[in-house]
Amino acid sequence: MKKTMLMARTALLVLLLLTAVACENLDVVGTDSVQSFEKVLKQIPHLITADETRGGWSLAAPDGSVRFVWSKNYAESPLDLMLELDAAPFIAAGLNPEKLPGNFTFHGGKLTLGRKLGQERLQYQGEATPLASYERIVKLKRNAVGYHAQLDHYGVDLADGNLFEWAKDMQTNDKDIVFVLNPAPFIAAGVDPNRIEGWVFAEITVDDEKGRAIQVDKILKPFNLQ
């Protein structure tokens, strides 16, 4: 009887292991997002820097007005995914920073927003690099990574409707990277979204939680890196 139970438990463990491996192998979005993100990093190496203050890596927009920061160690970063924006265009469009919600900070002419992913001390095989840190997100925080079918983009979710996206294929897409903001808190804080210099206020198509295409308003800053 004990032998039968042991065999059953062993078979179950093997099945669970095989299922986990199969699911990992079937994660096309996760795998392909790493490959396409690597191509973006290689396209703009001069815009990728270590950010010691934030405990991670920074990808700056070509015009220097915004940057995406991702953590290399969740145990040490104040935010693990973050956007830092030049506040001047938003203030010129009517923003009162004091009216922004608690997930925003305003300091030194910069607006920041983002999210924590966890408190883990990340482990690397070899040196920590910008790509390796993104791979940690895919492996450990998979729900933060998604695919925007309508624009053929992969992206990371910074919470509250804010994202950083990049093209699956830069050769066929004229929006290689896009900084994406939820307009609602800006509008509530006095911003006219049509007057933010250097940003575009537009209605875009996304899939809702049930996979249905819906229209949502976003504040966008796209760049063609080719």
Protein backbone atom coordinates (compact mmCIF):
# COMPACT_ATOMS: atom_id res chain seq x y z
CA MET A 1 0.00 0.00 0.00
CA LYS A 2 2.77 2.42 0.99
CA LYS A 3 4.69 1.52 -2.18
CA THR A 4 1.60 2.23 -4.29
CA MET A 5 1.08 5.61 -2.61
CA LEU A 6 4.76 6.49 -3.10
CA MET A 7 4.56 5.59 -6.78
CA ALA A 8 1.41 7.68 -7.17
CA ARG A 9 3.02 10.68 -5.50
CA THR A 10 6.12 10.31 -7.64
CA ALA A 11 4.03 10.12 -10.79
CA LEU A 12 2.12 13.25 -9.71
CA LEU A 13 5.32 15.18 -9.08
CA VAL A 14 6.69 14.17 -12.47
CA LEU A 15 3.43 15.25 -14.13
CA LEU A 16 3.51 18.62 -12.37
CA LEU A 17 7.13 19.15 -13.38
CA LEU A 18 6.43 18.28 -17.00
CA THR A 19 3.39 20.56 -17.00
CA ALA A 20 5.44 23.45 -15.64
CA VAL A 21 8.14 22.92 -18.26
CA ALA A 22 5.55 22.68 -21.02
CA CYS A 23 3.84 25.90 -19.87
CA GLU A 24 7.18 27.69 -19.80
CA ASN A 25 7.98 26.44 -23.31
CA LEU A 26 4.55 27.56 -24.53
CA ASP A 27 4.97 31.09 -23.18
CA VAL A 28 5.47 32.66 -26.58
CA VAL A 29 4.76 36.18 -25.36
CA GLY A 30 7.31 35.94 -22.57
CA THR A 31 10.01 34.39 -24.76
CA ASP A 32 9.46 36.66 -27.75
CA SER A 33 9.27 39.77 -25.57
CA VAL A 34 12.78 39.05 -24.29
CA GLN A 35 14.10 38.70 -27.84
CA SER A 36 12.44 41.90 -29.06
CA PHE A 37 13.48 43.84 -25.95
CA GLU A 38 17.08 42.78 -26.57
CA LYS A 39 16.85 44.21 -30.09
CA VAL A 40 15.60 47.52 -28.70
CA LEU A 41 18.47 47.65 -26.20
CA LYS A 42 20.99 46.99 -28.98
CA GLN A 43 19.40 49.65 -31.20
CA ILE A 44 19.89 52.45 -28.64
CA PRO A 45 22.85 51.48 -26.39
CA HIS A 46 23.65 55.18 -25.82
CA LEU A 47 20.24 55.63 -24.16
CA ILE A 48 20.61 52.67 -21.76
CA THR A 49 22.36 53.44 -18.47
CA ALA A 50 22.64 52.10 -14.94
CA ASP A 51 20.52 54.05 -12.48
CA GLU A 52 22.18 53.65 -9.10
CA THR A 53 19.73 56.03 -7.40
CA ARG A 54 16.76 53.88 -8.42
CA GLY A 55 18.63 50.58 -8.16
CA GLY A 56 18.11 49.52 -11.73
CA TRP A 57 18.43 50.36 -15.41
CA SER A 58 17.22 53.34 -17.39
CA LEU A 59 15.99 53.52 -20.99
CA ALA A 60 15.71 57.18 -21.97
CA ALA A 61 13.57 58.58 -24.76
CA PRO A 62 15.62 59.98 -27.66
CA ASP A 63 14.40 63.50 -26.81
CA GLY A 64 15.29 63.10 -23.12
CA SER A 65 11.79 63.97 -21.92
CA VAL A 66 10.94 60.64 -20.26
CA ARG A 67 12.63 57.43 -19.26
CA PHE A 68 11.64 53.91 -18.30
CA VAL A 69 13.42 52.42 -15.28
CA TRP A 70 13.35 48.74 -14.28
CA SER A 71 14.85 47.19 -11.16
CA LYS A 72 17.79 44.82 -10.91
CA ASN A 73 16.99 43.88 -7.31
CA TYR A 74 13.48 44.12 -5.89
CA ALA A 75 14.84 44.05 -2.33
CA GLU A 76 16.61 47.37 -2.86
CA SER A 77 14.58 49.40 -5.39
CA PRO A 78 11.94 51.88 -4.20
CA LEU A 79 9.97 51.07 -7.37
CA ASP A 80 10.63 48.11 -9.65
CA LEU A 81 8.97 49.54 -12.76
CA MET A 82 8.90 53.30 -13.18
CA LEU A 83 8.42 56.19 -15.60
CA GLU A 84 10.11 59.50 -14.92
CA LEU A 85 8.70 62.43 -16.91
CA ASP A 86 9.76 66.00 -17.53
CA ALA A 87 6.92 67.81 -15.74
CA ALA A 88 7.23 71.08 -17.68
CA PRO A 89 4.92 70.17 -20.64
CA PHE A 90 2.26 68.93 -18.23
CA ILE A 91 2.46 72.02 -16.03
CA ALA A 92 2.24 74.22 -19.14
CA ALA A 93 -0.92 72.28 -20.05
CA GLY A 94 -2.50 73.10 -16.68
CA LEU A 95 -1.16 70.50 -14.25
CA ASN A 96 -1.31 71.20 -10.53
CA PRO A 97 1.09 68.54 -9.16
CA GLU A 98 -0.49 68.75 -5.71
CA LYS A 99 -3.70 67.30 -7.14
CA LEU A 100 -2.06 64.13 -8.46
CA PRO A 101 -2.80 60.89 -6.57
CA GLY A 102 -0.42 59.22 -4.14
CA ASN A 103 1.27 56.97 -6.71
CA PHE A 104 2.90 60.09 -8.25
CA THR A 105 5.84 62.06 -6.92
CA PHE A 106 6.93 65.50 -8.05
CA HIS A 107 10.50 66.58 -7.35
CA GLY A 108 13.15 68.58 -9.17
CA GLY A 109 10.90 69.25 -12.13
CA LYS A 110 10.24 65.53 -12.63
CA LEU A 111 7.10 63.44 -12.25
CA THR A 112 7.52 59.80 -11.34
CA LEU A 113 5.04 56.94 -11.23
CA GLY A 114 5.34 53.18 -11.07
CA ARG A 115 4.91 50.04 -9.04
CA LYS A 116 6.64 47.53 -6.80
CA LEU A 117 6.81 43.96 -8.08
CA GLY A 118 8.03 42.33 -4.89
CA GLN A 119 10.72 42.23 -2.23
CA GLU A 120 12.88 39.39 -3.59
CA ARG A 121 16.65 39.69 -3.76
CA LEU A 122 17.22 38.73 -7.38
CA GLN A 123 19.84 36.15 -8.29
CA TYR A 124 21.73 36.17 -11.58
CA GLN A 125 23.84 33.63 -13.41
CA GLY A 126 26.81 35.87 -14.04
CA GLU A 127 26.66 39.65 -14.23
CA ALA A 128 23.42 41.58 -13.83
CA THR A 129 22.63 43.32 -17.13
CA PRO A 130 19.65 45.33 -18.42
CA LEU A 131 18.43 42.32 -20.42
CA ALA A 132 18.99 39.86 -17.55
CA SER A 133 16.93 42.09 -15.25
CA TYR A 134 14.10 42.15 -17.78
CA GLU A 135 14.31 38.36 -18.01
CA ARG A 136 13.80 38.24 -14.22
CA ILE A 137 10.52 40.13 -14.72
CA VAL A 138 9.35 37.58 -17.31
CA LYS A 139 10.35 34.65 -15.12
CA LEU A 140 9.20 35.89 -11.71
CA LYS A 141 6.49 38.49 -12.45
CA ARG A 142 5.01 37.21 -15.68
CA ASN A 143 1.67 39.00 -15.18
CA ALA A 144 3.49 42.34 -15.56
CA VAL A 145 4.33 41.53 -19.20
CA GLY A 146 1.77 41.62 -21.99
CA TYR A 147 1.15 41.80 -25.71
CA HIS A 148 -0.79 44.63 -27.38
CA ALA A 149 -2.08 42.95 -30.52
CA GLN A 150 -3.50 46.08 -32.16
CA LEU A 151 -0.07 47.78 -32.25
CA ASP A 152 1.97 44.55 -32.36
CA HIS A 153 3.79 45.59 -29.20
CA TYR A 154 5.06 43.88 -26.09
CA GLY A 155 4.96 45.88 -22.90
CA VAL A 156 5.27 46.08 -19.15
CA ASP A 157 2.38 47.18 -16.95
CA LEU A 158 3.31 49.99 -14.56
CA ALA A 159 -0.17 49.78 -12.95
CA ASP A 160 -3.08 52.23 -13.07
CA GLY A 161 -3.19 52.22 -16.87
CA ASN A 162 0.44 53.28 -17.44
CA LEU A 163 2.78 51.21 -19.61
CA PHE A 164 6.03 51.03 -21.48
CA GLU A 165 5.73 49.24 -24.83
CA TRP A 166 8.08 48.24 -27.64
CA ALA A 167 7.62 46.81 -31.13
CA LYS A 168 7.64 43.08 -31.67
CA ASP A 169 9.40 43.81 -34.98
CA MET A 170 11.08 47.19 -35.47
CA GLN A 171 11.48 46.51 -39.18
CA THR A 172 7.71 46.58 -39.78
CA ASN A 173 6.58 48.98 -37.03
CA ASP A 174 7.02 52.75 -37.01
CA LYS A 175 6.39 52.94 -33.26
CA ASP A 176 9.43 51.13 -31.89
CA ILE A 177 8.99 52.30 -28.30
CA VAL A 178 5.99 54.01 -26.72
CA PHE A 179 5.58 55.61 -23.31
CA VAL A 180 1.92 55.27 -22.33
CA LEU A 181 0.06 57.24 -19.65
CA ASN A 182 -3.44 57.01 -18.24
CA PRO A 183 -4.90 60.49 -18.83
CA ALA A 184 -7.48 60.35 -16.02
CA PRO A 185 -5.29 61.50 -13.09
CA PHE A 186 -3.73 64.24 -15.21
CA ILE A 187 -7.12 65.55 -16.32
CA ALA A 188 -8.33 65.48 -12.70
CA ALA A 189 -5.24 67.52 -11.77
CA GLY A 190 -6.05 70.23 -14.30
CA VAL A 191 -4.30 69.08 -17.49
CA ASP A 192 -5.75 69.69 -20.93
CA PRO A 193 -4.46 66.47 -22.56
CA ASN A 194 -4.57 68.01 -26.03
CA ARG A 195 -2.07 70.69 -25.00
CA ILE A 196 0.82 68.57 -23.66
CA GLU A 197 3.73 69.49 -25.91
CA GLY A 198 5.54 66.44 -27.28
CA TRP A 199 2.78 64.02 -26.26
CA VAL A 200 -0.26 62.74 -28.17
CA PHE A 201 -3.73 62.35 -26.67
CA ALA A 202 -5.45 59.57 -28.59
CA GLU A 203 -8.03 56.83 -28.46
CA ILE A 204 -6.45 53.41 -28.95
CA THR A 205 -7.80 49.89 -29.21
CA VAL A 206 -6.91 47.36 -26.51
CA ASP A 207 -8.28 44.02 -25.35
CA ASP A 208 -10.21 43.94 -22.08
CA GLU A 209 -9.90 41.18 -19.48
CA LYS A 210 -12.24 38.98 -21.57
CA GLY A 211 -10.29 39.51 -24.80
CA ARG A 212 -12.81 41.91 -26.31
CA ALA A 213 -11.53 44.93 -28.28
CA ILE A 214 -12.40 48.22 -26.58
CA GLN A 215 -11.44 51.87 -27.08
CA VAL A 216 -9.55 53.71 -24.33
CA ASP A 217 -7.95 57.15 -24.08
CA LYS A 218 -4.20 57.35 -23.54
CA ILE A 219 -1.45 59.97 -23.50
CA LEU A 220 1.32 58.66 -25.75
CA LYS A 221 4.91 59.42 -26.70
CA PRO A 222 6.02 57.09 -29.52
CA PHE A 223 9.45 56.93 -31.16
CA ASN A 224 10.73 55.35 -34.36
CA LEU A 225 14.30 54.18 -33.63
CA GLN A 226 15.20 53.12 -37.17
